[in-house]
Amino acid sequence: MNYIAYYRVSTQKQGQSGLGLNAQRTIVKNYLKEIEPLHELTDVESGTSRGNNRESLLEAIKLSKIYNATLVIAKLDRLARNVKFITTLMESGIEFVACDMPTANKFTIHIFAALAEQEAEMISQRTKLALGELKKQGVKLGKPENLNNEAIAKGLLKRKENALNDENNRKATLLIKSMKNEGKSFYEITRELNKAGFKTRRGNNFYITQVINLYERHLQIQ
């Protein structure tokens, strides 16, 4: 089987120094074992690009089609937060594999896409609310002396969001809801979650009682 490897690093500094990039290459190498990828491509996302740099991803997809190869990435969980990445991957029609979640499929990607969009919207709305409160208090936003206030507001919201919306739980809850709507039992849902590689907040496999709790918690907030 042929493979095209795709990597993504978060800053120009990481791209130049190899920080993060070497780690991804090691993960891919360990996964492929003796197989060498036909090509390796890397996108470098600067602090101002906001995830828009996808030139190497598009090239990787093109090469995957040419060589009938599988696109391999090191960590799906990190890249899945980028809506543009997910959309591009879903629309490409190529085969792909993620080393950290090799059982992921198109259905899993749909789940991640919905979560990424939801997370971006939540952060945007809550940041606006926090800055609105500062404005009500007479703080003139955008002035250098007030940047700390804005940063504090955003930081507080982020910490609260992390506590209330654990990423693993949110992913699992969305899948639980979907399968429950299809009429599947909690036993079947638990089995599918573990088969797909989903983990609890502490990184363990799911038990049926945890699945039930997540579903009931979802119903309470509707």
Foldseek 3Di string as FASTA:
>chain_A
DAEEEEEEDEAPVCVVVVVVVVVWVVLVCVQVPPDDHPYYFYWYHHPPCLLVTCVRVVVSLVVCVVVVHEYETAAPVVVLLRLVSLVVVLVSPHHYAYSLFRLDDSVLSVLSNVVSVVVVVVLVVQLVVLVVVVVVVVDDPPDPVCVVVSVVSSVVVVVVCCVVCPPLLSSLLVQLVVVVVVVDDLVVSLVVCVVRPRADSVRHRDDSVVSVVSNVVVVVVD
